[in-house]
Structures are given as C-alpha cells and as structure tokens.
Amino acid sequence: MAIIITDECINCGACEPECPNNAIYEGGVEWAMSDGTGVKGDYTLEGDKVVDADAQNAPVDDDLYYIVPDKCTECMGFHEEPQCAAVCPVDCCVPDPDREETEEELLARKERLHL
C-alpha cells in the first residue's frame, strides 16, 4: 500500500529528501510523474487515467506535505522500510488503508518509474 501523510504533519520537510521516487511534495506544490523518475511521455495512473509525464498536476494537499500515491513504492527495491516513516519525528507517515498493494505491485511500479 502507498504511504500517506496524516494531518499530524508539522511540515518539517524531513521526509521529502528521503524519498527515492520523489513522491513527496510540500503542500500546495504541483507535481509531475517525471520529477525524480525516468518516466517520459504518456504514463498511466491508477484508474487508467493517462497523463503526460511532464504535465504539472494539482497538489494532493494545499497545506501539508503529501505523497503522490502513483509514485509511492514504500521504498521497495531501495530500502527495507519506507524512509519517510523512518525519519518522521511525529510518526505521521503511515500506510494508506485505502491502497493495499502487494510487494510485487510495488516493485513493478518501481520498475516503471525508474527505467
């Protein structure tokens, strides 16, 4: 499952540089699939929505740091545990109960993101 940042976030920013997929953004900042990945051209998001990898997308949250679920791999293939959760001083980086994914799905996403 992807990781989410709860509203207990204190906006310290410790998580952002730790993400190997560049899936974490400051609140209010637009995101793109190509940010920090090898993705180019069209990319299919969950739900079969196709986006241009360089297109700027609306922020997931305007006030707090957030994680783009389509870029989160829970650090599979990079680290033994999600690095955002490991460095969070208030333990607000937690598994998203609405996005249960297998290890195979997360590793496949990692391969799609880092060609």
N, C-alpha and C. Protein backbone atom coordinates (compact mmCIF):
# COMPACT_ATOMS: atom_id res chain seq x y z
N MET A 1 0.83 -1.17 0.00
CA MET A 1 0.00 0.00 0.00
C MET A 1 0.88 1.24 0.00
N ALA A 2 0.38 2.29 -0.55
CA ALA A 2 1.12 3.55 -0.54
C ALA A 2 1.11 4.11 0.88
N ILE A 3 2.03 5.01 1.11
CA ILE A 3 2.10 5.70 2.40
C ILE A 3 1.35 7.02 2.26
N ILE A 4 0.70 7.45 3.32
CA ILE A 4 0.07 8.77 3.36
C ILE A 4 0.67 9.57 4.51
N ILE A 5 0.53 10.87 4.41
CA ILE A 5 0.95 11.76 5.49
C ILE A 5 -0.32 12.27 6.14
N THR A 6 -0.45 12.03 7.44
CA THR A 6 -1.67 12.41 8.16
C THR A 6 -1.64 13.89 8.53
N ASP A 7 -2.75 14.37 9.04
CA ASP A 7 -2.85 15.78 9.41
C ASP A 7 -2.08 16.11 10.69
N GLU A 8 -1.40 15.13 11.28
CA GLU A 8 -0.49 15.41 12.39
C GLU A 8 0.85 15.98 11.91
N CYS A 9 1.03 16.05 10.58
CA CYS A 9 2.27 16.56 9.99
C CYS A 9 2.57 17.97 10.52
N ILE A 10 3.83 18.19 10.88
CA ILE A 10 4.25 19.51 11.36
C ILE A 10 5.00 20.29 10.28
N ASN A 11 4.97 19.79 9.04
CA ASN A 11 5.61 20.46 7.90
C ASN A 11 7.11 20.68 8.11
N CYS A 12 7.77 19.72 8.72
CA CYS A 12 9.21 19.87 8.94
C CYS A 12 10.02 19.61 7.68
N GLY A 13 9.47 18.82 6.74
CA GLY A 13 10.16 18.54 5.49
C GLY A 13 11.20 17.46 5.55
N ALA A 14 11.34 16.77 6.68
CA ALA A 14 12.36 15.72 6.81
C ALA A 14 12.15 14.58 5.82
N CYS A 15 10.92 14.31 5.48
CA CYS A 15 10.59 13.18 4.61
C CYS A 15 10.94 13.40 3.14
N GLU A 16 10.77 14.61 2.67
CA GLU A 16 10.89 14.90 1.24
C GLU A 16 12.22 14.44 0.61
N PRO A 17 13.37 14.79 1.18
CA PRO A 17 14.62 14.37 0.53
C PRO A 17 14.92 12.88 0.66
N GLU A 18 14.20 12.17 1.51
CA GLU A 18 14.44 10.75 1.72
C GLU A 18 13.78 9.86 0.69
N CYS A 19 12.81 10.38 -0.04
CA CYS A 19 12.02 9.56 -0.96
C CYS A 19 12.80 9.26 -2.25
N PRO A 20 13.06 7.98 -2.54
CA PRO A 20 13.80 7.64 -3.75
C PRO A 20 12.99 7.82 -5.04
N ASN A 21 11.68 8.01 -4.90
CA ASN A 21 10.82 8.18 -6.06
C ASN A 21 10.38 9.62 -6.27
N ASN A 22 10.86 10.53 -5.42
CA ASN A 22 10.44 11.92 -5.46
C ASN A 22 8.91 12.00 -5.46
N ALA A 23 8.29 11.22 -4.56
CA ALA A 23 6.83 11.17 -4.46
C ALA A 23 6.29 12.14 -3.42
N ILE A 24 7.16 12.79 -2.66
CA ILE A 24 6.73 13.66 -1.57
C ILE A 24 6.92 15.12 -1.97
N TYR A 25 5.87 15.89 -1.76
CA TYR A 25 5.89 17.30 -2.14
C TYR A 25 5.38 18.15 -0.99
N GLU A 26 5.85 19.38 -0.94
CA GLU A 26 5.35 20.34 0.04
C GLU A 26 3.93 20.72 -0.34
N GLY A 27 3.10 20.96 0.65
CA GLY A 27 1.72 21.35 0.41
C GLY A 27 1.63 22.52 -0.55
N GLY A 28 0.70 22.44 -1.50
CA GLY A 28 0.48 23.50 -2.46
C GLY A 28 1.36 23.45 -3.69
N VAL A 29 2.34 22.56 -3.72
CA VAL A 29 3.26 22.45 -4.85
C VAL A 29 2.72 21.44 -5.87
N GLU A 30 2.71 21.82 -7.14
CA GLU A 30 2.29 20.91 -8.19
C GLU A 30 3.32 19.80 -8.36
N TRP A 31 2.89 18.66 -8.92
CA TRP A 31 3.78 17.51 -9.09
C TRP A 31 3.68 16.99 -10.52
N ALA A 32 4.72 16.25 -10.92
CA ALA A 32 4.74 15.60 -12.24
C ALA A 32 5.34 14.21 -12.08
N MET A 33 4.89 13.28 -12.90
CA MET A 33 5.42 11.91 -12.85
C MET A 33 6.91 11.89 -13.17
N SER A 34 7.37 12.81 -14.00
CA SER A 34 8.78 12.81 -14.40
C SER A 34 9.72 13.33 -13.31
N ASP A 35 9.19 14.01 -12.30
CA ASP A 35 10.03 14.54 -11.23
C ASP A 35 10.78 13.41 -10.53
N GLY A 36 12.08 13.37 -10.69
CA GLY A 36 12.91 12.39 -9.99
C GLY A 36 12.77 10.96 -10.47
N THR A 37 12.16 10.76 -11.63
CA THR A 37 11.99 9.41 -12.17
C THR A 37 12.53 9.37 -13.60
N GLY A 38 12.46 8.21 -14.21
CA GLY A 38 12.88 8.07 -15.60
C GLY A 38 11.71 8.10 -16.56
N VAL A 39 10.52 8.45 -16.07
CA VAL A 39 9.31 8.41 -16.87
C VAL A 39 9.30 9.54 -17.90
N LYS A 40 8.95 9.18 -19.13
CA LYS A 40 8.83 10.15 -20.22
C LYS A 40 7.58 9.81 -21.02
N GLY A 41 7.01 10.81 -21.66
CA GLY A 41 5.83 10.58 -22.49
C GLY A 41 4.58 10.32 -21.67
N ASP A 42 3.69 9.50 -22.21
CA ASP A 42 2.44 9.19 -21.52
C ASP A 42 2.70 8.17 -20.42
N TYR A 43 1.98 8.34 -19.31
CA TYR A 43 2.07 7.42 -18.18
C TYR A 43 0.66 7.16 -17.68
N THR A 44 0.34 5.90 -17.42
CA THR A 44 -0.99 5.52 -16.95
C THR A 44 -1.01 5.46 -15.44
N LEU A 45 -1.84 6.32 -14.86
CA LEU A 45 -2.02 6.34 -13.41
C LEU A 45 -3.02 5.27 -13.00
N GLU A 46 -3.11 5.05 -11.69
CA GLU A 46 -4.14 4.14 -11.19
C GLU A 46 -5.49 4.64 -11.66
N GLY A 47 -6.36 3.73 -12.01
CA GLY A 47 -7.67 4.12 -12.53
C GLY A 47 -7.64 4.35 -14.03
N ASP A 48 -6.52 4.00 -14.66
CA ASP A 48 -6.35 4.08 -16.11
C ASP A 48 -6.37 5.49 -16.68
N LYS A 49 -6.12 6.49 -15.84
CA LYS A 49 -6.01 7.86 -16.33
C LYS A 49 -4.61 8.04 -16.92
N VAL A 50 -4.54 8.50 -18.16
CA VAL A 50 -3.26 8.70 -18.83
C VAL A 50 -2.88 10.17 -18.74
N VAL A 51 -1.63 10.42 -18.30
CA VAL A 51 -1.12 11.79 -18.19
C VAL A 51 0.21 11.89 -18.89
N ASP A 52 0.56 13.08 -19.32
CA ASP A 52 1.90 13.34 -19.83
C ASP A 52 2.82 13.39 -18.62
N ALA A 53 3.93 12.68 -18.67
CA ALA A 53 4.83 12.60 -17.53
C ALA A 53 5.34 13.96 -17.07
N ASP A 54 5.45 14.90 -17.99
CA ASP A 54 5.96 16.23 -17.63
C ASP A 54 4.86 17.20 -17.22
N ALA A 55 3.60 16.80 -17.36
CA ALA A 55 2.49 17.69 -17.03
C ALA A 55 2.46 17.96 -15.53
N GLN A 56 2.20 19.20 -15.20
CA GLN A 56 2.06 19.58 -13.80
C GLN A 56 0.64 19.25 -13.35
N ASN A 57 0.56 18.55 -12.21
CA ASN A 57 -0.73 18.13 -11.66
C ASN A 57 -1.03 18.91 -10.39
N ALA A 58 -2.31 19.05 -10.10
CA ALA A 58 -2.74 19.79 -8.92
C ALA A 58 -2.19 19.12 -7.66
N PRO A 59 -1.84 19.92 -6.66
CA PRO A 59 -1.35 19.36 -5.40
C PRO A 59 -2.39 18.44 -4.77
N VAL A 60 -1.93 17.38 -4.12
CA VAL A 60 -2.82 16.48 -3.39
C VAL A 60 -3.32 17.17 -2.13
N ASP A 61 -2.50 18.04 -1.56
CA ASP A 61 -2.86 18.79 -0.35
C ASP A 61 -2.30 20.20 -0.49
N ASP A 62 -3.04 21.18 -0.04
CA ASP A 62 -2.58 22.56 -0.14
C ASP A 62 -1.81 23.04 1.08
N ASP A 63 -1.99 22.36 2.21
CA ASP A 63 -1.41 22.85 3.46
C ASP A 63 -0.25 22.02 4.00
N LEU A 64 -0.33 20.71 3.83
CA LEU A 64 0.67 19.81 4.42
C LEU A 64 1.46 19.09 3.33
N TYR A 65 2.63 18.60 3.70
CA TYR A 65 3.37 17.73 2.79
C TYR A 65 2.46 16.57 2.40
N TYR A 66 2.64 16.06 1.20
CA TYR A 66 1.80 14.96 0.74
C TYR A 66 2.63 14.01 -0.11
N ILE A 67 2.10 12.80 -0.28
CA ILE A 67 2.74 11.76 -1.09
C ILE A 67 1.83 11.46 -2.28
N VAL A 68 2.39 11.49 -3.48
CA VAL A 68 1.65 11.13 -4.68
C VAL A 68 1.56 9.60 -4.71
N PRO A 69 0.36 9.04 -4.55
CA PRO A 69 0.24 7.58 -4.45
C PRO A 69 0.77 6.83 -5.66
N ASP A 70 0.63 7.40 -6.85
CA ASP A 70 1.10 6.72 -8.06
C ASP A 70 2.62 6.69 -8.17
N LYS A 71 3.32 7.39 -7.28
CA LYS A 71 4.79 7.37 -7.29
C LYS A 71 5.36 6.64 -6.08
N CYS A 72 4.51 6.32 -5.10
CA CYS A 72 4.99 5.69 -3.87
C CYS A 72 5.15 4.18 -4.06
N THR A 73 6.30 3.68 -3.68
CA THR A 73 6.57 2.23 -3.73
C THR A 73 6.90 1.69 -2.34
N GLU A 74 6.65 2.51 -1.31
CA GLU A 74 7.03 2.16 0.07
C GLU A 74 8.53 1.86 0.14
N CYS A 75 9.29 2.44 -0.76
CA CYS A 75 10.74 2.28 -0.85
C CYS A 75 11.17 0.86 -1.24
N MET A 76 10.22 0.04 -1.72
CA MET A 76 10.56 -1.32 -2.16
C MET A 76 11.59 -1.23 -3.27
N GLY A 77 12.57 -2.07 -3.19
CA GLY A 77 13.64 -2.09 -4.19
C GLY A 77 14.75 -1.10 -3.89
N PHE A 78 14.55 -0.26 -2.88
CA PHE A 78 15.56 0.72 -2.48
C PHE A 78 16.02 0.49 -1.04
N HIS A 79 15.05 0.35 -0.14
CA HIS A 79 15.32 0.25 1.29
C HIS A 79 14.42 -0.82 1.91
N GLU A 80 14.74 -1.22 3.12
CA GLU A 80 13.95 -2.25 3.79
C GLU A 80 12.67 -1.72 4.41
N GLU A 81 12.57 -0.40 4.58
CA GLU A 81 11.38 0.21 5.14
C GLU A 81 11.16 1.57 4.50
N PRO A 82 9.93 2.08 4.53
CA PRO A 82 9.67 3.41 3.98
C PRO A 82 10.51 4.46 4.72
N GLN A 83 11.31 5.17 3.97
CA GLN A 83 12.23 6.14 4.58
C GLN A 83 11.51 7.35 5.14
N CYS A 84 10.38 7.73 4.57
CA CYS A 84 9.64 8.86 5.12
C CYS A 84 9.20 8.55 6.55
N ALA A 85 8.70 7.34 6.76
CA ALA A 85 8.26 6.94 8.10
C ALA A 85 9.44 6.84 9.06
N ALA A 86 10.57 6.40 8.54
CA ALA A 86 11.75 6.23 9.39
C ALA A 86 12.27 7.55 9.94
N VAL A 87 12.14 8.63 9.16
CA VAL A 87 12.69 9.93 9.60
C VAL A 87 11.64 10.87 10.19
N CYS A 88 10.38 10.53 10.11
CA CYS A 88 9.32 11.43 10.57
C CYS A 88 9.35 11.57 12.09
N PRO A 89 9.51 12.79 12.60
CA PRO A 89 9.60 12.98 14.05
C PRO A 89 8.26 12.84 14.77
N VAL A 90 7.15 12.87 14.03
CA VAL A 90 5.84 12.77 14.68
C VAL A 90 5.05 11.54 14.21
N ASP A 91 5.70 10.64 13.51
CA ASP A 91 5.08 9.39 13.06
C ASP A 91 3.79 9.60 12.28
N CYS A 92 3.81 10.55 11.35
CA CYS A 92 2.60 10.81 10.57
C CYS A 92 2.65 10.20 9.17
N CYS A 93 3.72 9.50 8.83
CA CYS A 93 3.81 8.79 7.54
C CYS A 93 3.40 7.35 7.81
N VAL A 94 2.18 7.01 7.39
CA VAL A 94 1.59 5.72 7.72
C VAL A 94 1.04 5.05 6.47
N PRO A 95 0.86 3.73 6.51
CA PRO A 95 0.26 3.03 5.36
C PRO A 95 -1.16 3.53 5.09
N ASP A 96 -1.49 3.68 3.83
CA ASP A 96 -2.82 4.12 3.42
C ASP A 96 -3.74 2.90 3.37
N PRO A 97 -4.72 2.81 4.27
CA PRO A 97 -5.59 1.64 4.29
C PRO A 97 -6.47 1.51 3.05
N ASP A 98 -6.58 2.58 2.28
CA ASP A 98 -7.40 2.55 1.06
C ASP A 98 -6.61 2.09 -0.16
N ARG A 99 -5.32 1.83 -0.01
CA ARG A 99 -4.48 1.43 -1.14
C ARG A 99 -3.62 0.23 -0.77
N GLU A 100 -4.23 -0.89 -0.58
CA GLU A 100 -3.47 -2.10 -0.27
C GLU A 100 -2.87 -2.65 -1.55
N GLU A 101 -1.53 -2.80 -1.55
CA GLU A 101 -0.82 -3.29 -2.72
C GLU A 101 0.17 -4.36 -2.28
N THR A 102 0.41 -5.31 -3.16
CA THR A 102 1.35 -6.38 -2.85
C THR A 102 2.78 -5.90 -3.09
N GLU A 103 3.72 -6.65 -2.58
CA GLU A 103 5.13 -6.35 -2.82
C GLU A 103 5.42 -6.38 -4.32
N GLU A 104 4.80 -7.32 -5.03
CA GLU A 104 5.01 -7.42 -6.48
C GLU A 104 4.51 -6.17 -7.19
N GLU A 105 3.34 -5.66 -6.77
CA GLU A 105 2.80 -4.44 -7.39
C GLU A 105 3.71 -3.24 -7.14
N LEU A 106 4.22 -3.14 -5.92
CA LEU A 106 5.11 -2.03 -5.58
C LEU A 106 6.42 -2.11 -6.36
N LEU A 107 6.97 -3.31 -6.49
CA LEU A 107 8.21 -3.48 -7.25
C LEU A 107 7.99 -3.21 -8.74
N ALA A 108 6.82 -3.60 -9.25
CA ALA A 108 6.51 -3.31 -10.66
C ALA A 108 6.41 -1.80 -10.87
N ARG A 109 5.83 -1.09 -9.91
CA ARG A 109 5.74 0.38 -10.03
C ARG A 109 7.14 0.96 -10.03
N LYS A 110 8.00 0.47 -9.14
CA LYS A 110 9.38 0.95 -9.09
C LYS A 110 10.05 0.79 -10.45
N GLU A 111 9.84 -0.35 -11.10
CA GLU A 111 10.44 -0.59 -12.42
C GLU A 111 9.90 0.37 -13.46
N ARG A 112 8.61 0.70 -13.39
CA ARG A 112 8.00 1.64 -14.36
C ARG A 112 8.53 3.05 -14.13
N LEU A 113 8.80 3.40 -12.87
CA LEU A 113 9.25 4.74 -12.55
C LEU A 113 10.73 4.96 -12.86
N HIS A 114 11.51 3.92 -12.74
CA HIS A 114 12.96 4.05 -12.90
C HIS A 114 13.43 3.13 -14.03
N LEU A 115 13.21 3.58 -15.25
CA LEU A 115 13.54 2.80 -16.45
C LEU A 115 15.02 2.57 -16.60
